[in-house]
C-alpha atoms as a PDB file:
ATOM      1  CA  MET A   1     -43.739 -92.877  79.526  1.00  0.00           C
ATOM      2  CA  SER A   2     -45.468 -93.130  82.871  1.00  0.00           C
ATOM      3  CA  ASP A   3     -44.144 -95.809  85.203  1.00  0.00           C
ATOM      4  CA  ALA A   4     -47.749 -96.707  86.045  1.00  0.00           C
ATOM      5  CA  ALA A   5     -48.708 -97.417  82.432  1.00  0.00           C
ATOM      6  CA  PRO A   6     -47.967-100.878  81.041  1.00  0.00           C
ATOM      7  CA  GLN A   7     -45.885-101.054  77.885  1.00  0.00           C
ATOM      8  CA  LEU A   8     -48.296-103.578  76.371  1.00  0.00           C
ATOM      9  CA  VAL A   9     -52.047-103.141  76.879  1.00  0.00           C
ATOM     10  CA  ALA A  10     -54.251-106.241  76.617  1.00  0.00           C
ATOM     11  CA  ASP A  11     -51.305-108.177  75.140  1.00  0.00           C
ATOM     12  CA  ARG A  12     -51.905-106.337  71.879  1.00  0.00           C
ATOM     13  CA  TYR A  13     -51.300-102.582  71.940  1.00  0.00           C
ATOM     14  CA  ARG A  14     -47.726-101.442  72.526  1.00  0.00           C
ATOM     15  CA  LEU A  15     -47.554 -97.913  73.926  1.00  0.00           C
ATOM     16  CA  ILE A  16     -45.110 -95.734  72.003  1.00  0.00           C
ATOM     17  CA  SER A  17     -45.381 -92.163  73.272  1.00  0.00           C
ATOM     18  CA  PRO A  18     -47.879 -89.835  74.957  1.00  0.00           C
ATOM     19  CA  LEU A  19     -49.879 -87.604  72.628  1.00  0.00           C
ATOM     20  CA  GLY A  20     -51.553 -85.449  75.249  1.00  0.00           C
ATOM     21  CA  GLN A  21     -53.075 -85.330  78.683  1.00  0.00           C
ATOM     22  CA  GLY A  22     -56.083 -83.643  80.257  1.00  0.00           C
ATOM     23  CA  GLY A  23     -57.666 -83.549  83.653  1.00  0.00           C
ATOM     24  CA  MET A  24     -59.460 -86.866  83.132  1.00  0.00           C
ATOM     25  CA  GLY A  25     -57.183 -88.942  80.938  1.00  0.00           C
ATOM     26  CA  ARG A  26     -54.021 -89.449  78.939  1.00  0.00           C
ATOM     27  CA  VAL A  27     -53.798 -90.280  75.230  1.00  0.00           C
ATOM     28  CA  TRP A  28     -51.035 -92.492  73.862  1.00  0.00           C
ATOM     29  CA  LYS A  29     -49.796 -93.314  70.422  1.00  0.00           C
ATOM     30  CA  ALA A  30     -49.639 -97.098  70.280  1.00  0.00           C
ATOM     31  CA  ARG A  31     -48.949 -99.921  67.863  1.00  0.00           C
ATOM     32  CA  ASP A  32     -51.517-102.628  67.227  1.00  0.00           C
ATOM     33  CA  GLU A  33     -49.306-105.727  67.200  1.00  0.00           C
ATOM     34  CA  VAL A  34     -52.044-107.827  65.562  1.00  0.00           C
ATOM     35  CA  LEU A  35     -53.118-105.573  62.679  1.00  0.00           C
ATOM     36  CA  HIS A  36     -49.745-103.812  62.401  1.00  0.00           C
ATOM     37  CA  ARG A  37     -51.177-100.307  62.457  1.00  0.00           C
ATOM     38  CA  ASP A  38     -50.815 -97.249  64.662  1.00  0.00           C
ATOM     39  CA  VAL A  39     -53.691 -96.348  66.969  1.00  0.00           C
ATOM     40  CA  ALA A  40     -54.392 -93.818  69.695  1.00  0.00           C
ATOM     41  CA  ILE A  41     -55.343 -95.122  73.129  1.00  0.00           C
ATOM     42  CA  LYS A  42     -57.014 -93.045  75.796  1.00  0.00           C
ATOM     43  CA  GLU A  43     -56.180 -94.094  79.324  1.00  0.00           C
ATOM     44  CA  LEU A  44     -58.693 -93.038  81.948  1.00  0.00           C
ATOM     45  CA  VAL A  45     -56.862 -91.239  84.759  1.00  0.00           C
ATOM     46  CA  PRO A  46     -59.311 -90.296  87.532  1.00  0.00           C
ATOM     47  CA  PRO A  47     -58.291 -87.257  89.575  1.00  0.00           C
ATOM     48  CA  PRO A  48     -57.318 -87.885  93.185  1.00  0.00           C
ATOM     49  CA  GLY A  49     -59.881 -87.648  95.926  1.00  0.00           C
ATOM     50  CA  LEU A  50     -62.802 -89.334  94.177  1.00  0.00           C
ATOM     51  CA  THR A  51     -65.050 -91.622  96.154  1.00  0.00           C
ATOM     52  CA  ASN A  52     -65.603 -95.166  94.946  1.00  0.00           C
ATOM     53  CA  ASP A  53     -69.064 -94.214  93.682  1.00  0.00           C
ATOM     54  CA  GLU A  54     -67.706 -91.236  91.755  1.00  0.00           C
ATOM     55  CA  ARG A  55     -64.965 -93.332  90.223  1.00  0.00           C
ATOM     56  CA  ARG A  56     -67.467 -96.021  89.234  1.00  0.00           C
ATOM     57  CA  GLU A  57     -69.785 -93.465  87.663  1.00  0.00           C
ATOM     58  CA  MET A  58     -66.852 -91.922  85.814  1.00  0.00           C
ATOM     59  CA  ARG A  59     -66.021 -95.316  84.303  1.00  0.00           C
ATOM     60  CA  GLU A  60     -69.618 -95.940  83.302  1.00  0.00           C
ATOM     61  CA  ARG A  61     -70.022 -92.539  81.709  1.00  0.00           C
ATOM     62  CA  SER A  62     -66.828 -93.096  79.741  1.00  0.00           C
ATOM     63  CA  LEU A  63     -68.186 -96.370  78.419  1.00  0.00           C
ATOM     64  CA  ARG A  64     -71.562 -94.842  77.540  1.00  0.00           C
ATOM     65  CA  GLU A  65     -69.875 -92.032  75.621  1.00  0.00           C
ATOM     66  CA  ALA A  66     -67.594 -94.489  73.818  1.00  0.00           C
ATOM     67  CA  ARG A  67     -70.552 -96.606  72.739  1.00  0.00           C
ATOM     68  CA  ALA A  68     -72.394 -93.541  71.482  1.00  0.00           C
ATOM     69  CA  ILE A  69     -69.461 -92.245  69.447  1.00  0.00           C
ATOM     70  CA  ALA A  70     -68.840 -95.707  68.030  1.00  0.00           C
ATOM     71  CA  ARG A  71     -72.183 -95.324  66.252  1.00  0.00           C
ATOM     72  CA  LEU A  72     -70.993 -92.219  64.416  1.00  0.00           C
ATOM     73  CA  ASN A  73     -69.587 -92.670  60.950  1.00  0.00           C
ATOM     74  CA  ASN A  74     -68.342 -89.244  59.961  1.00  0.00           C
ATOM     75  CA  ILE A  75     -65.101 -88.165  58.333  1.00  0.00           C
ATOM     76  CA  ASN A  76     -64.716 -85.323  60.839  1.00  0.00           C
ATOM     77  CA  VAL A  77     -65.148 -87.508  63.945  1.00  0.00           C
ATOM     78  CA  VAL A  78     -62.338 -89.605  65.341  1.00  0.00           C
ATOM     79  CA  ARG A  79     -63.299 -93.284  65.136  1.00  0.00           C
ATOM     80  CA  ILE A  80     -63.349 -95.649  68.108  1.00  0.00           C
ATOM     81  CA  PHE A  81     -62.124 -99.190  67.510  1.00  0.00           C
ATOM     82  CA  ASP A  82     -62.373-100.892  70.894  1.00  0.00           C
ATOM     83  CA  VAL A  83     -62.743-100.488  74.653  1.00  0.00           C
ATOM     84  CA  LEU A  84     -60.463-102.468  76.935  1.00  0.00           C
ATOM     85  CA  ARG A  85     -60.401-102.871  80.697  1.00  0.00           C
ATOM     86  CA  THR A  86     -57.221-102.898  82.724  1.00  0.00           C
ATOM     87  CA  ASP A  87     -57.555-103.015  86.508  1.00  0.00           C
ATOM     88  CA  GLY A  88     -61.183-102.009  86.087  1.00  0.00           C
ATOM     89  CA  ASP A  89     -60.482 -98.769  84.221  1.00  0.00           C
ATOM     90  CA  PRO A  90     -61.340 -98.517  80.516  1.00  0.00           C
ATOM     91  CA  TRP A  91     -58.791 -97.862  77.794  1.00  0.00           C
ATOM     92  CA  ILE A  92     -60.374 -96.435  74.644  1.00  0.00           C
ATOM     93  CA  VAL A  93     -58.714 -97.561  71.394  1.00  0.00           C
ATOM     94  CA  MET A  94     -59.177 -94.948  68.692  1.00  0.00           C
ATOM     95  CA  GLU A  95     -58.087 -94.055  65.205  1.00  0.00           C
ATOM     96  CA  TYR A  96     -54.656 -92.427  65.121  1.00  0.00           C
ATOM     97  CA  VAL A  97     -54.682 -89.202  63.111  1.00  0.00           C
ATOM     98  CA  ALA A  98     -51.254 -87.880  62.123  1.00  0.00           C
ATOM     99  CA  SER A  99     -51.855 -84.270  62.982  1.00  0.00           C
ATOM    100  CA  ARG A 100     -51.370 -81.412  65.342  1.00  0.00           C
ATOM    101  CA  SER A 101     -54.095 -79.721  67.305  1.00  0.00           C
ATOM    102  CA  LEU A 102     -55.542 -76.354  66.406  1.00  0.00           C
ATOM    103  CA  GLN A 103     -54.233 -75.178  69.766  1.00  0.00           C
ATOM    104  CA  ASP A 104     -50.676 -76.144  68.804  1.00  0.00           C
ATOM    105  CA  ALA A 105     -51.074 -74.581  65.361  1.00  0.00           C
ATOM    106  CA  ILE A 106     -52.115 -71.254  66.903  1.00  0.00           C
ATOM    107  CA  ALA A 107     -49.269 -71.389  69.429  1.00  0.00           C
ATOM    108  CA  GLU A 108     -46.643 -72.248  66.807  1.00  0.00           C
ATOM    109  CA  ASP A 109     -47.845 -70.289  63.768  1.00  0.00           C
ATOM    110  CA  GLY A 110     -50.040 -67.576  65.228  1.00  0.00           C
ATOM    111  CA  PRO A 111     -53.621 -66.815  64.167  1.00  0.00           C
ATOM    112  CA  MET A 112     -54.720 -68.363  60.892  1.00  0.00           C
ATOM    113  CA  SER A 113     -56.347 -66.693  57.928  1.00  0.00           C
ATOM    114  CA  PRO A 114     -60.136 -66.374  57.884  1.00  0.00           C
ATOM    115  CA  ALA A 115     -60.215 -68.631  54.817  1.00  0.00           C
ATOM    116  CA  ARG A 116     -58.426 -71.436  56.668  1.00  0.00           C
ATOM    117  CA  ALA A 117     -60.565 -70.885  59.760  1.00  0.00           C
ATOM    118  CA  VAL A 118     -63.677 -71.298  57.608  1.00  0.00           C
ATOM    119  CA  GLU A 119     -62.442 -74.730  56.478  1.00  0.00           C
ATOM    120  CA  VAL A 120     -61.784 -75.706  60.090  1.00  0.00           C
ATOM    121  CA  GLY A 121     -65.217 -74.447  61.086  1.00  0.00           C
ATOM    122  CA  LEU A 122     -66.979 -76.452  58.383  1.00  0.00           C
ATOM    123  CA  GLY A 123     -65.191 -79.622  59.500  1.00  0.00           C
ATOM    124  CA  VAL A 124     -66.011 -79.173  63.182  1.00  0.00           C
ATOM    125  CA  LEU A 125     -69.587 -78.191  62.385  1.00  0.00           C
ATOM    126  CA  ASN A 126     -70.034 -81.318  60.266  1.00  0.00           C
ATOM    127  CA  ALA A 127     -68.869 -83.411  63.211  1.00  0.00           C
ATOM    128  CA  LEU A 128     -71.199 -81.619  65.613  1.00  0.00           C
ATOM    129  CA  ARG A 129     -74.204 -82.013  63.330  1.00  0.00           C
ATOM    130  CA  ALA A 130     -73.594 -85.760  63.123  1.00  0.00           C
ATOM    131  CA  ALA A 131     -73.205 -85.992  66.889  1.00  0.00           C
ATOM    132  CA  HIS A 132     -76.263 -83.889  67.677  1.00  0.00           C
ATOM    133  CA  LYS A 133     -78.357 -85.931  65.257  1.00  0.00           C
ATOM    134  CA  ALA A 134     -77.375 -88.997  67.298  1.00  0.00           C
ATOM    135  CA  GLY A 135     -78.225 -87.218  70.549  1.00  0.00           C
ATOM    136  CA  ILE A 136     -74.586 -86.726  71.573  1.00  0.00           C
ATOM    137  CA  MET A 137     -73.365 -83.439  73.034  1.00  0.00           C
ATOM    138  CA  HIS A 138     -69.634 -82.862  72.847  1.00  0.00           C
ATOM    139  CA  ARG A 139     -69.393 -80.461  75.827  1.00  0.00           C
ATOM    140  CA  ASP A 140     -65.728 -79.656  75.261  1.00  0.00           C
ATOM    141  CA  VAL A 141     -65.217 -78.101  71.822  1.00  0.00           C
ATOM    142  CA  LYS A 142     -61.974 -76.132  71.970  1.00  0.00           C
ATOM    143  CA  PRO A 143     -58.774 -75.777  69.922  1.00  0.00           C
ATOM    144  CA  GLY A 144     -57.081 -78.569  71.852  1.00  0.00           C
ATOM    145  CA  ASN A 145     -59.762 -81.033  70.723  1.00  0.00           C
ATOM    146  CA  VAL A 146     -59.648 -80.093  67.038  1.00  0.00           C
ATOM    147  CA  LEU A 147     -57.048 -82.005  65.035  1.00  0.00           C
ATOM    148  CA  LEU A 148     -55.620 -80.640  61.791  1.00  0.00           C
ATOM    149  CA  GLY A 149     -54.593 -83.753  59.908  1.00  0.00           C
ATOM    150  CA  ASN A 150     -51.445 -83.843  57.813  1.00  0.00           C
ATOM    151  CA  ASP A 151     -53.728 -84.866  54.936  1.00  0.00           C
ATOM    152  CA  GLY A 152     -55.896 -81.759  55.341  1.00  0.00           C
ATOM    153  CA  ARG A 153     -58.657 -83.500  57.283  1.00  0.00           C
ATOM    154  CA  VAL A 154     -60.241 -81.703  60.253  1.00  0.00           C
ATOM    155  CA  VAL A 155     -61.169 -84.073  63.091  1.00  0.00           C
ATOM    156  CA  LEU A 156     -63.077 -83.410  66.295  1.00  0.00           C
ATOM    157  CA  THR A 157     -61.892 -85.647  69.099  1.00  0.00           C
ATOM    158  CA  ASP A 158     -62.536 -86.278  72.815  1.00  0.00           C
ATOM    159  CA  PHE A 159     -66.318 -86.286  73.015  1.00  0.00           C
ATOM    160  CA  GLY A 160     -66.406 -85.847  76.756  1.00  0.00           C
ATOM    161  CA  LEU A 161     -65.229 -89.417  77.305  1.00  0.00           C
ATOM    162  CA  ALA A 162     -64.217 -88.599  80.838  1.00  0.00           C
ATOM    163  CA  THR A 163     -66.644 -86.431  82.808  1.00  0.00           C
ATOM    164  CA  ILE A 164     -67.319 -86.009  86.488  1.00  0.00           C
ATOM    165  CA  PRO A 165     -70.763 -87.055  87.754  1.00  0.00           C
ATOM    166  CA  GLY A 166     -72.974 -84.360  89.172  1.00  0.00           C
ATOM    167  CA  ASP A 167     -72.188 -80.824  88.055  1.00  0.00           C
ATOM    168  CA  PRO A 168     -70.822 -81.107  84.498  1.00  0.00           C
ATOM    169  CA  ASN A 169     -68.916 -77.824  84.785  1.00  0.00           C
ATOM    170  CA  VAL A 170     -67.002 -77.782  88.038  1.00  0.00           C
ATOM    171  CA  THR A 171     -64.999 -80.522  89.726  1.00  0.00           C
ATOM    172  CA  ARG A 172     -64.948 -81.102  93.442  1.00  0.00           C
ATOM    173  CA  THR A 173     -61.891 -78.847  93.640  1.00  0.00           C
ATOM    174  CA  GLY A 174     -63.730 -76.008  91.863  1.00  0.00           C
ATOM    175  CA  MET A 175     -61.928 -76.305  88.518  1.00  0.00           C
ATOM    176  CA  VAL A 176     -64.131 -75.988  85.453  1.00  0.00           C
ATOM    177  CA  LEU A 177     -64.084 -79.123  83.338  1.00  0.00           C
ATOM    178  CA  GLY A 178     -62.579 -78.579  79.927  1.00  0.00           C
ATOM    179  CA  SER A 179     -61.628 -74.967  79.426  1.00  0.00           C
ATOM    180  CA  PRO A 180     -63.775 -72.175  80.883  1.00  0.00           C
ATOM    181  CA  ALA A 181     -62.640 -69.905  78.044  1.00  0.00           C
ATOM    182  CA  TYR A 182     -64.676 -72.002  75.594  1.00  0.00           C
ATOM    183  CA  ILE A 183     -67.817 -72.982  77.485  1.00  0.00           C
ATOM    184  CA  ALA A 184     -71.172 -71.357  76.770  1.00  0.00           C
ATOM    185  CA  PRO A 185     -72.650 -68.876  79.267  1.00  0.00           C
ATOM    186  CA  GLU A 186     -75.621 -71.125  80.036  1.00  0.00           C
ATOM    187  CA  ARG A 187     -73.325 -74.039  80.764  1.00  0.00           C
ATOM    188  CA  ALA A 188     -71.236 -71.951  83.140  1.00  0.00           C
ATOM    189  CA  ARG A 189     -74.410 -70.653  84.772  1.00  0.00           C
ATOM    190  CA  ASP A 190     -76.496 -73.770  85.352  1.00  0.00           C
ATOM    191  CA  GLY A 191     -74.876 -76.707  83.562  1.00  0.00           C
ATOM    192  CA  THR A 192     -77.099 -76.619  80.470  1.00  0.00           C
ATOM    193  CA  ALA A 193     -75.255 -78.472  77.705  1.00  0.00           C
ATOM    194  CA  GLY A 194     -77.490 -78.748  74.655  1.00  0.00           C
ATOM    195  CA  PRO A 195     -76.528 -78.366  70.994  1.00  0.00           C
ATOM    196  CA  GLU A 196     -76.549 -74.576  71.370  1.00  0.00           C
ATOM    197  CA  ALA A 197     -73.758 -74.799  73.950  1.00  0.00           C
ATOM    198  CA  ASP A 198     -71.591 -76.752  71.511  1.00  0.00           C
ATOM    199  CA  LEU A 199     -72.231 -74.081  68.873  1.00  0.00           C
ATOM    200  CA  TRP A 200     -71.077 -71.357  71.250  1.00  0.00           C
ATOM    201  CA  SER A 201     -67.887 -73.327  71.860  1.00  0.00           C
ATOM    202  CA  LEU A 202     -67.402 -73.626  68.104  1.00  0.00           C
ATOM    203  CA  GLY A 203     -67.735 -69.848  67.836  1.00  0.00           C
ATOM    204  CA  ALA A 204     -65.177 -69.295  70.600  1.00  0.00           C
ATOM    205  CA  THR A 205     -62.840 -71.781  68.904  1.00  0.00           C
ATOM    206  CA  LEU A 206     -63.084 -70.010  65.538  1.00  0.00           C
ATOM    207  CA  TYR A 207     -62.600 -66.668  67.296  1.00  0.00           C
ATOM    208  CA  ALA A 208     -59.367 -68.027  68.773  1.00  0.00           C
ATOM    209  CA  ALA A 209     -58.305 -69.334  65.362  1.00  0.00           C
ATOM    210  CA  VAL A 210     -58.300 -65.845  63.822  1.00  0.00           C
ATOM    211  CA  GLU A 211     -57.558 -63.713  66.899  1.00  0.00           C
ATOM    212  CA  GLY A 212     -55.079 -65.975  68.688  1.00  0.00           C
ATOM    213  CA  LYS A 213     -57.113 -66.428  71.876  1.00  0.00           C
ATOM    214  CA  SER A 214     -60.637 -67.018  73.113  1.00  0.00           C
ATOM    215  CA  PRO A 215     -62.876 -63.945  73.462  1.00  0.00           C
ATOM    216  CA  TYR A 216     -62.953 -64.486  77.221  1.00  0.00           C
ATOM    217  CA  ALA A 217     -59.397 -65.647  77.874  1.00  0.00           C
ATOM    218  CA  ARG A 218     -58.322 -64.260  81.244  1.00  0.00           C
ATOM    219  CA  PRO A 219     -55.477 -65.075  83.671  1.00  0.00           C
ATOM    220  CA  SER A 220     -57.639 -67.363  85.828  1.00  0.00           C
ATOM    221  CA  ALA A 221     -60.750 -69.494  85.572  1.00  0.00           C
ATOM    222  CA  ILE A 222     -62.570 -67.230  88.032  1.00  0.00           C
ATOM    223  CA  SER A 223     -61.850 -64.069  86.044  1.00  0.00           C
ATOM    224  CA  THR A 224     -62.751 -65.863  82.815  1.00  0.00           C
ATOM    225  CA  LEU A 225     -66.141 -66.932  84.157  1.00  0.00           C
ATOM    226  CA  ALA A 226     -66.752 -63.459  85.576  1.00  0.00           C
ATOM    227  CA  ALA A 227     -66.036 -61.878  82.192  1.00  0.00           C
ATOM    228  CA  LEU A 228     -68.249 -64.436  80.479  1.00  0.00           C
ATOM    229  CA  ALA A 229     -71.125 -63.509  82.777  1.00  0.00           C
ATOM    230  CA  THR A 230     -70.763 -59.723  82.712  1.00  0.00           C
ATOM    231  CA  GLU A 231     -68.891 -58.519  79.627  1.00  0.00           C
ATOM    232  CA  PRO A 232     -69.962 -58.324  75.973  1.00  0.00           C
ATOM    233  CA  VAL A 233     -68.107 -60.333  73.359  1.00  0.00           C
ATOM    234  CA  PRO A 234     -65.125 -58.278  72.173  1.00  0.00           C
ATOM    235  CA  PRO A 235     -65.167 -57.584  68.427  1.00  0.00           C
ATOM    236  CA  ALA A 236     -63.088 -59.891  66.246  1.00  0.00           C
ATOM    237  CA  ARG A 237     -60.738 -57.570  64.359  1.00  0.00           C
ATOM    238  CA  ASN A 238     -59.189 -60.178  62.065  1.00  0.00           C
ATOM    239  CA  ALA A 239     -62.279 -62.222  61.223  1.00  0.00           C
ATOM    240  CA  GLY A 240     -63.035 -60.697  57.828  1.00  0.00           C
ATOM    241  CA  PRO A 241     -65.860 -62.730  56.236  1.00  0.00           C
ATOM    242  CA  LEU A 242     -66.159 -64.763  59.455  1.00  0.00           C
ATOM    243  CA  LYS A 243     -67.607 -61.844  61.420  1.00  0.00           C
ATOM    244  CA  GLN A 244     -71.220 -62.677  60.643  1.00  0.00           C
ATOM    245  CA  VAL A 245     -71.004 -66.288  61.754  1.00  0.00           C
ATOM    246  CA  LEU A 246     -69.014 -65.360  64.881  1.00  0.00           C
ATOM    247  CA  ASN A 247     -71.644 -62.796  65.816  1.00  0.00           C
ATOM    248  CA  GLY A 248     -74.334 -65.440  65.346  1.00  0.00           C
ATOM    249  CA  LEU A 249     -72.579 -68.209  67.280  1.00  0.00           C
ATOM    250  CA  LEU A 250     -71.469 -66.017  70.184  1.00  0.00           C
ATOM    251  CA  ARG A 251     -74.906 -64.796  71.230  1.00  0.00           C
ATOM    252  CA  LYS A 252     -75.131 -65.121  74.999  1.00  0.00           C
ATOM    253  CA  ASP A 253     -78.800 -66.069  74.904  1.00  0.00           C
ATOM    254  CA  PRO A 254     -78.948 -69.582  73.394  1.00  0.00           C
ATOM    255  CA  ARG A 255     -82.415 -68.798  71.996  1.00  0.00           C
ATOM    256  CA  GLU A 256     -80.851 -66.079  69.834  1.00  0.00           C
ATOM    257  CA  ARG A 257     -77.896 -68.181  68.704  1.00  0.00           C
ATOM    258  CA  VAL A 258     -77.802 -69.298  65.089  1.00  0.00           C
ATOM    259  CA  THR A 259     -78.628 -72.909  64.324  1.00  0.00           C
ATOM    260  CA  ALA A 260     -76.130 -75.359  62.897  1.00  0.00           C
ATOM    261  CA  GLU A 261     -77.846 -75.106  59.512  1.00  0.00           C
ATOM    262  CA  SER A 262     -77.587 -71.309  59.481  1.00  0.00           C
ATOM    263  CA  ALA A 263     -73.977 -71.459  60.643  1.00  0.00           C
ATOM    264  CA  GLU A 264     -73.123 -73.803  57.787  1.00  0.00           C
ATOM    265  CA  ARG A 265     -74.729 -71.484  55.246  1.00  0.00           C
ATOM    266  CA  MET A 266     -72.786 -68.540  56.658  1.00  0.00           C
ATOM    267  CA  LEU A 267     -69.511 -70.457  56.593  1.00  0.00           C
ATOM    268  CA  ARG A 268     -70.050 -71.599  53.027  1.00  0.00           C
ATOM    269  CA  ARG A 269     -70.932 -68.076  51.999  1.00  0.00           C
ATOM    270  CA  ALA A 270     -67.765 -66.811  53.688  1.00  0.00           C
ATOM    271  CA  SER A 271     -65.724 -69.404  51.797  1.00  0.00           C
ATOM    272  CA  GLY A 272     -67.338 -68.604  48.469  1.00  0.00           C
ATOM    273  CA  ARG A 273     -68.924 -72.050  48.287  1.00  0.00           C
ATOM    274  CA  ARG A 274     -72.585 -72.616  47.653  1.00  0.00           C
ATOM    275  CA  ALA A 275     -74.646 -74.001  50.483  1.00  0.00           C
ATOM    276  CA  ARG A 276     -75.877 -77.580  50.228  1.00  0.00           C
ATOM    277  CA  GLY A 277     -79.081 -78.011  48.296  1.00  0.00           C
ATOM    278  CA  ILE A 278     -78.740 -74.720  46.409  1.00  0.00           C
ATOM    279  CA  SER A 279     -78.144 -74.989  42.683  1.00  0.00           C
ATOM    280  CA  LEU A 280     -75.458 -72.905  41.082  1.00  0.00           C
ATOM    281  CA  LEU A 281     -78.076 -72.091  38.424  1.00  0.00           C
ATOM    282  CA  ASP A 282     -80.586 -70.630  40.886  1.00  0.00           C
ATOM    283  CA  GLY A 283     -81.592 -67.253  39.521  1.00  0.00           C
ATOM    284  CA  VAL A 284     -79.988 -67.970  36.140  1.00  0.00           C
ATOM    285  CA  ARG A 285     -82.094 -68.219  32.998  1.00  0.00           C
ATOM    286  CA  ARG A 286     -82.069 -71.807  31.799  1.00  0.00           C
ATOM    287  CA  PRO A 287     -82.188 -72.992  28.155  1.00  0.00           C
ATOM    288  CA  GLY A 288     -85.224 -74.720  26.680  1.00  0.00           C
ATOM    289  CA  PRO A 289     -85.833 -78.469  26.930  1.00  0.00           C
ATOM    290  CA  ASN A 290     -83.555 -79.182  23.981  1.00  0.00           C
ATOM    291  CA  GLY A 291     -80.752 -77.074  25.393  1.00  0.00           C
ATOM    292  CA  PRO A 292     -78.983 -74.183  23.733  1.00  0.00           C
ATOM    293  CA  ARG A 293     -78.378 -74.529  20.014  1.00  0.00           C
ATOM    294  CA  GLU A 294     -74.903 -74.513  18.625  1.00  0.00           C
ATOM    295  CA  PRO A 295     -74.339 -71.650  16.166  1.00  0.00           C
ATOM    296  CA  ARG A 296     -74.338 -72.949  12.609  1.00  0.00           C
ATOM    297  CA  PRO A 297     -71.080 -72.591  10.689  1.00  0.00           C
ATOM    298  CA  PRO A 298     -71.173 -70.227   7.714  1.00  0.00           C
ATOM    299  CA  LEU A 299     -71.935 -71.822   4.335  1.00  0.00           C
ATOM    300  CA  VAL A 300     -68.906 -71.921   2.080  1.00  0.00           C
ATOM    301  CA  PRO A 301     -69.590 -72.714  -1.610  1.00  0.00           C
ATOM    302  CA  GLY A 302     -67.752 -75.762  -2.846  1.00  0.00           C
ATOM    303  CA  PRO A 303     -65.824 -75.997  -6.141  1.00  0.00           C
ATOM    304  CA  ARG A 304     -67.945 -76.020  -9.310  1.00  0.00           C
ATOM    305  CA  PRO A 305     -67.468 -78.589 -12.068  1.00  0.00           C
ATOM    306  CA  SER A 306     -65.503 -77.344 -15.079  1.00  0.00           C
ATOM    307  CA  GLY A 307     -67.621 -75.422 -17.579  1.00  0.00           C
ATOM    308  CA  GLU A 308     -70.504 -74.910 -15.188  1.00  0.00           C
ATOM    309  CA  ARG A 309     -71.735 -71.384 -14.962  1.00  0.00           C
ATOM    310  CA  PRO A 310     -72.366 -69.897 -11.596  1.00  0.00           C
ATOM    311  CA  ALA A 311     -75.973 -69.691 -10.612  1.00  0.00           C
ATOM    312  CA  THR A 312     -77.522 -66.306 -11.195  1.00  0.00           C
ATOM    313  CA  PRO A 313     -79.338 -65.095  -8.167  1.00  0.00           C
ATOM    314  CA  ALA A 314     -83.043 -64.726  -8.707  1.00  0.00           C
ATOM    315  CA  THR A 315     -84.257 -61.179  -9.259  1.00  0.00           C
ATOM    316  CA  PRO A 316     -87.187 -60.306  -7.068  1.00  0.00           C
ATOM    317  CA  PRO A 317     -90.296 -59.296  -9.039  1.00  0.00           C
ATOM    318  CA  ALA A 318     -90.900 -55.588  -9.478  1.00  0.00           C
ATOM    319  CA  PRO A 319     -93.697 -54.214  -7.400  1.00  0.00           C
ATOM    320  CA  ARG A 320     -97.025 -53.810  -9.184  1.00  0.00           C
ATOM    321  CA  THR A 321     -98.261 -50.379 -10.070  1.00  0.00           C
ATOM    322  CA  PRO A 322    -101.841 -49.916  -9.090  1.00  0.00           C
END
């Protein structure tokens, strides 16, 4: 535990252990001493060398993002419970998800099966569709921000809660925010960060899930960005039924990239599920308004009373002779 971090935040949340750290913040597992539940708390950790104005804008952007995400109610989005201030910097209190990140899963277990990657993709895509509908761009979809819950839930976390003002891609030291291996070409080029950029990042994340690394993973950020700008997307050799959706998501021109709706249909098709709004009976002949009739059971003659003669079948009349 960092010496600079208090053990008890706001006289309520007891820090237990760090869960992860990025360039802009640190996430802790903590205990809510009032409600007696575990939570995750994100501590804003500004990088050194920021001016007072940059630090102030960083705080404000964090709060704006937190308020936006607090409006989302989606099973695949980590929930925000509260925002606290300690020494002027916000601490974001979030839902604790017992999990490991997709990044850790790939590192520990190797690439996952296409079938499992499809399930991960559907979860992340559901989160992105909810966010985009609310006007929120994630800007940092990558394996490290995708949680694989112990209960099977897929959760997208860290919606850009800590971003540098000005250029959304490069810090003052020249380091690309987030991971350059997962940012869309248009974002690396001019900072464009619309829904299409998030979909590219989803494609790169799913590529890494089945191949073990991003399509543009290189030894350095500079070489990664150079490859992103000049090289075609390498084919995914282990994608199986995911190939179509990867090809659609990883189009360098955002105007040619598949939409979220198309990506969902492709993922559901790859999983063998039907897409939403499509009946399983589409294209199947339906029964009439009264439904199909049950076949009638064969007639079995019952026992005859004693002494009764069996009925003699009627003899059809002989045809007339003209």
